[in-house]
Amino acid sequence: MHGEYKVPGGKLIVVDIEVEDGVLRHPRVAGDFFLEPDEASYAYLDDWVLDALGEMGIKAWYQPLNDIATDQGKIAGAAQKRIVGPDGGPGAVLHHVTMAYDIDADKMLSVLRTGREKLSDKGTKSAKKRVDPLRRQTGLEREAVIAGLIDSFRNRYGLTVGGVTDAEMSRARQLVDTKFTTPEWTARVP
């Protein structure tokens, strides 16, 4: 599948996705992106991660606009989706981070199309050398890294262990059946 979308006031975004046995696989997104999010929110929302990494022996810092880096390379990148509330009222920010625990740099390069401009902005000549995963930097197993992140978050903000209630699971299944598996949702172009 191939799609193109012209961002109002921006450039063209190109998306290619393979469909195998009815499942979308290998999405590739290319294009130039220019957004002006509230930069301070990235630093604020990633701050606890920097502390957690420090507790694991990694000296990491926030690198504007949305990266977490070390002197060895980038280990994470964040993204945000901002949602305006009903009638323009208070909305929400969905902030998520992708962290590299272990990576096949050659495979990454075969999927991503990292332009020269992006590399020069980051002060590096090679996308392969730009990313340095947590496994190499910590020597820790994946489960230990996850536990370290959870413990650090718990110590800073508190956590309550919970589960999914039967009512919540029932509602989730209903939404899968009535919304999230429909062509209107799965073929939706925002």
Protein backbone atom coordinates (compact mmCIF):
# COMPACT_ATOMS: atom_id res chain seq x y z
CA MET A 1 0.00 0.00 0.00
CA HIS A 2 1.19 3.48 -0.75
CA GLY A 3 -0.16 6.78 0.49
CA GLU A 4 0.80 10.41 0.31
CA TYR A 5 -0.44 13.24 2.47
CA LYS A 6 0.27 16.94 2.12
CA VAL A 7 0.46 18.53 5.53
CA PRO A 8 -1.27 21.93 5.47
CA GLY A 9 1.53 24.47 5.45
CA GLY A 10 4.11 21.69 5.31
CA LYS A 11 5.66 19.21 2.97
CA LEU A 12 4.63 15.88 1.59
CA ILE A 13 4.56 12.80 3.81
CA VAL A 14 4.91 9.47 2.01
CA VAL A 15 3.82 6.19 3.63
CA ASP A 16 4.47 2.70 2.29
CA ILE A 17 3.11 -0.37 4.09
CA GLU A 18 3.27 -4.02 3.14
CA VAL A 19 0.22 -6.20 3.70
CA GLU A 20 0.91 -9.84 4.55
CA ASP A 21 -1.98 -12.18 5.34
CA GLY A 22 -4.22 -9.21 6.07
CA VAL A 23 -1.72 -7.71 8.54
CA LEU A 24 0.01 -4.38 8.02
CA ARG A 25 3.78 -4.85 8.22
CA HIS A 26 6.94 -2.89 7.61
CA PRO A 27 5.55 0.65 7.66
CA ARG A 28 7.87 3.24 6.14
CA VAL A 29 7.25 6.93 6.57
CA ALA A 30 9.31 9.51 4.73
CA GLY A 31 9.16 13.22 4.24
CA ASP A 32 10.14 16.45 5.88
CA PHE A 33 8.35 17.30 9.09
CA PHE A 34 8.10 20.67 10.72
CA LEU A 35 6.07 21.06 13.86
CA GLU A 36 6.38 23.55 16.68
CA PRO A 37 5.45 21.68 19.85
CA ASP A 38 6.02 23.07 23.29
CA GLU A 39 9.66 22.05 23.62
CA ALA A 40 9.63 22.41 27.40
CA SER A 41 7.07 19.62 27.69
CA TYR A 42 9.47 17.11 26.14
CA ALA A 43 12.21 17.93 28.65
CA TYR A 44 9.76 17.90 31.56
CA LEU A 45 8.11 14.60 30.64
CA ASP A 46 11.46 12.90 29.94
CA ASP A 47 13.17 14.10 33.13
CA TRP A 48 12.32 11.00 35.19
CA VAL A 49 13.84 8.82 32.44
CA LEU A 50 17.13 10.71 32.73
CA ASP A 51 17.15 9.98 36.47
CA ALA A 52 16.36 6.30 35.87
CA LEU A 53 19.16 6.00 33.34
CA GLY A 54 21.53 7.71 35.78
CA GLU A 55 20.62 5.10 38.39
CA MET A 56 21.67 2.46 35.84
CA GLY A 57 25.02 4.16 35.33
CA ILE A 58 24.21 6.04 32.14
CA LYS A 59 24.95 9.75 31.99
CA ALA A 60 22.14 10.87 29.70
CA TRP A 61 20.69 14.23 28.83
CA TYR A 62 17.76 15.73 27.00
CA GLN A 63 18.73 16.88 23.52
CA PRO A 64 16.19 19.22 21.93
CA LEU A 65 13.82 18.75 20.36
CA ASN A 66 12.90 15.24 21.35
CA ASP A 67 15.92 13.01 21.93
CA ILE A 68 17.61 11.41 24.93
CA ALA A 69 21.33 11.10 24.27
CA THR A 70 24.62 10.09 25.82
CA ASP A 71 28.19 10.66 24.74
CA GLN A 72 27.89 7.27 23.01
CA GLY A 73 24.86 8.25 20.91
CA LYS A 74 21.10 8.59 20.88
CA ILE A 75 19.18 6.06 22.97
CA ALA A 76 15.65 7.43 22.75
CA GLY A 77 13.33 9.69 20.84
CA ALA A 78 9.99 11.08 21.95
CA ALA A 79 6.83 12.11 20.15
CA GLN A 80 3.66 13.83 21.24
CA LYS A 81 0.07 13.91 20.12
CA ARG A 82 -1.88 16.90 21.36
CA ILE A 83 -5.64 16.66 21.57
CA VAL A 84 -7.89 19.66 21.98
CA GLY A 85 -10.68 19.13 24.49
CA PRO A 86 -14.38 19.37 23.74
CA ASP A 87 -15.44 22.87 22.71
CA GLY A 88 -11.80 23.99 22.81
CA GLY A 89 -11.52 23.24 26.53
CA PRO A 90 -8.65 21.48 28.28
CA GLY A 91 -7.20 18.72 26.19
CA ALA A 92 -4.48 16.16 26.64
CA VAL A 93 -0.96 15.37 25.56
CA LEU A 94 0.00 11.81 24.74
CA HIS A 95 3.78 11.65 25.20
CA HIS A 96 5.63 8.49 24.28
CA VAL A 97 9.26 7.52 23.99
CA THR A 98 10.93 4.84 21.92
CA MET A 99 14.12 3.59 23.54
CA ALA A 100 16.71 1.43 21.83
CA TYR A 101 17.53 -1.54 24.05
CA ASP A 102 19.23 -3.58 21.34
CA ILE A 103 19.27 -2.81 17.67
CA ASP A 104 20.41 -4.23 14.40
CA ALA A 105 21.84 -1.02 12.97
CA ASP A 106 22.11 -2.42 9.44
CA LYS A 107 18.44 -3.45 9.46
CA MET A 108 17.49 -0.04 10.90
CA LEU A 109 19.27 1.69 8.03
CA SER A 110 17.48 -0.51 5.48
CA VAL A 111 14.11 0.68 6.84
CA LEU A 112 14.73 4.31 7.77
CA ARG A 113 15.62 7.01 5.32
CA THR A 114 17.71 9.40 7.33
CA GLY A 115 18.58 12.47 5.30
CA ARG A 116 21.86 14.34 5.40
CA GLU A 117 20.13 17.36 6.91
CA LYS A 118 18.98 15.40 9.97
CA LEU A 119 22.41 13.91 10.49
CA SER A 120 24.15 17.27 10.16
CA ASP A 121 21.68 18.80 12.63
CA LYS A 122 22.77 16.16 15.14
CA GLY A 123 26.48 16.63 14.41
CA THR A 124 27.09 13.14 13.05
CA LYS A 125 27.98 11.68 9.67
CA SER A 126 26.37 8.26 10.09
CA ALA A 127 22.91 7.19 11.22
CA LYS A 128 24.45 3.84 12.15
CA LYS A 129 26.83 5.54 14.59
CA ARG A 130 24.19 7.95 15.85
CA VAL A 131 22.14 5.34 17.78
CA ASP A 132 23.74 3.46 20.68
CA PRO A 133 21.43 1.02 22.48
CA LEU A 134 20.96 0.56 26.22
CA ARG A 135 22.15 -3.04 26.21
CA ARG A 136 25.61 -2.03 25.06
CA GLN A 137 25.77 0.93 27.42
CA THR A 138 24.55 -0.91 30.54
CA GLY A 139 25.36 -4.58 30.02
CA LEU A 140 21.99 -5.25 31.69
CA GLU A 141 19.37 -7.70 30.53
CA ARG A 142 16.21 -6.15 29.08
CA GLU A 143 14.13 -7.15 32.11
CA ALA A 144 16.59 -5.38 34.44
CA VAL A 145 16.37 -2.17 32.38
CA ILE A 146 12.56 -2.31 32.47
CA ALA A 147 12.58 -2.97 36.22
CA GLY A 148 14.97 -0.04 36.71
CA LEU A 149 12.70 2.31 34.78
CA ILE A 150 9.64 1.16 36.73
CA ASP A 151 11.42 1.46 40.10
CA SER A 152 12.66 4.96 39.30
CA PHE A 153 9.18 6.09 38.24
CA ARG A 154 7.66 4.49 41.36
CA ASN A 155 10.19 6.24 43.63
CA ARG A 156 9.50 9.62 42.04
CA TYR A 157 5.74 9.54 41.52
CA GLY A 158 4.41 6.47 43.28
CA LEU A 159 2.72 3.57 41.55
CA THR A 160 -0.18 1.34 42.35
CA VAL A 161 -0.16 -2.15 40.92
CA GLY A 162 -3.49 -2.86 39.33
CA GLY A 163 -5.17 -4.92 36.74
CA VAL A 164 -7.85 -4.77 34.13
CA THR A 165 -11.34 -5.33 35.48
CA ASP A 166 -13.81 -7.61 33.73
CA ALA A 167 -15.89 -4.55 32.83
CA GLU A 168 -12.86 -2.79 31.31
CA MET A 169 -11.93 -5.88 29.32
CA SER A 170 -15.49 -6.25 28.08
CA ARG A 171 -15.55 -2.61 26.96
CA ALA A 172 -12.16 -3.01 25.25
CA ARG A 173 -13.40 -6.06 23.33
CA GLN A 174 -16.54 -4.16 22.34
CA LEU A 175 -14.41 -1.28 21.00
CA VAL A 176 -12.25 -3.73 19.06
CA ASP A 177 -15.33 -5.22 17.42
CA THR A 178 -17.21 -1.99 16.77
CA LYS A 179 -14.42 0.51 16.10
CA PHE A 180 -10.78 -0.52 15.95
CA THR A 181 -11.12 -3.36 13.41
CA THR A 182 -13.48 -1.54 11.06
CA PRO A 183 -12.27 -0.29 7.67
CA GLU A 184 -13.30 3.22 8.75
CA TRP A 185 -10.67 3.04 11.51
CA THR A 186 -7.96 0.88 9.96
CA ALA A 187 -7.99 2.73 6.61
CA ARG A 188 -8.39 6.15 8.21
CA VAL A 189 -6.15 8.98 7.08
CA PRO A 190 -6.13 11.82 9.63
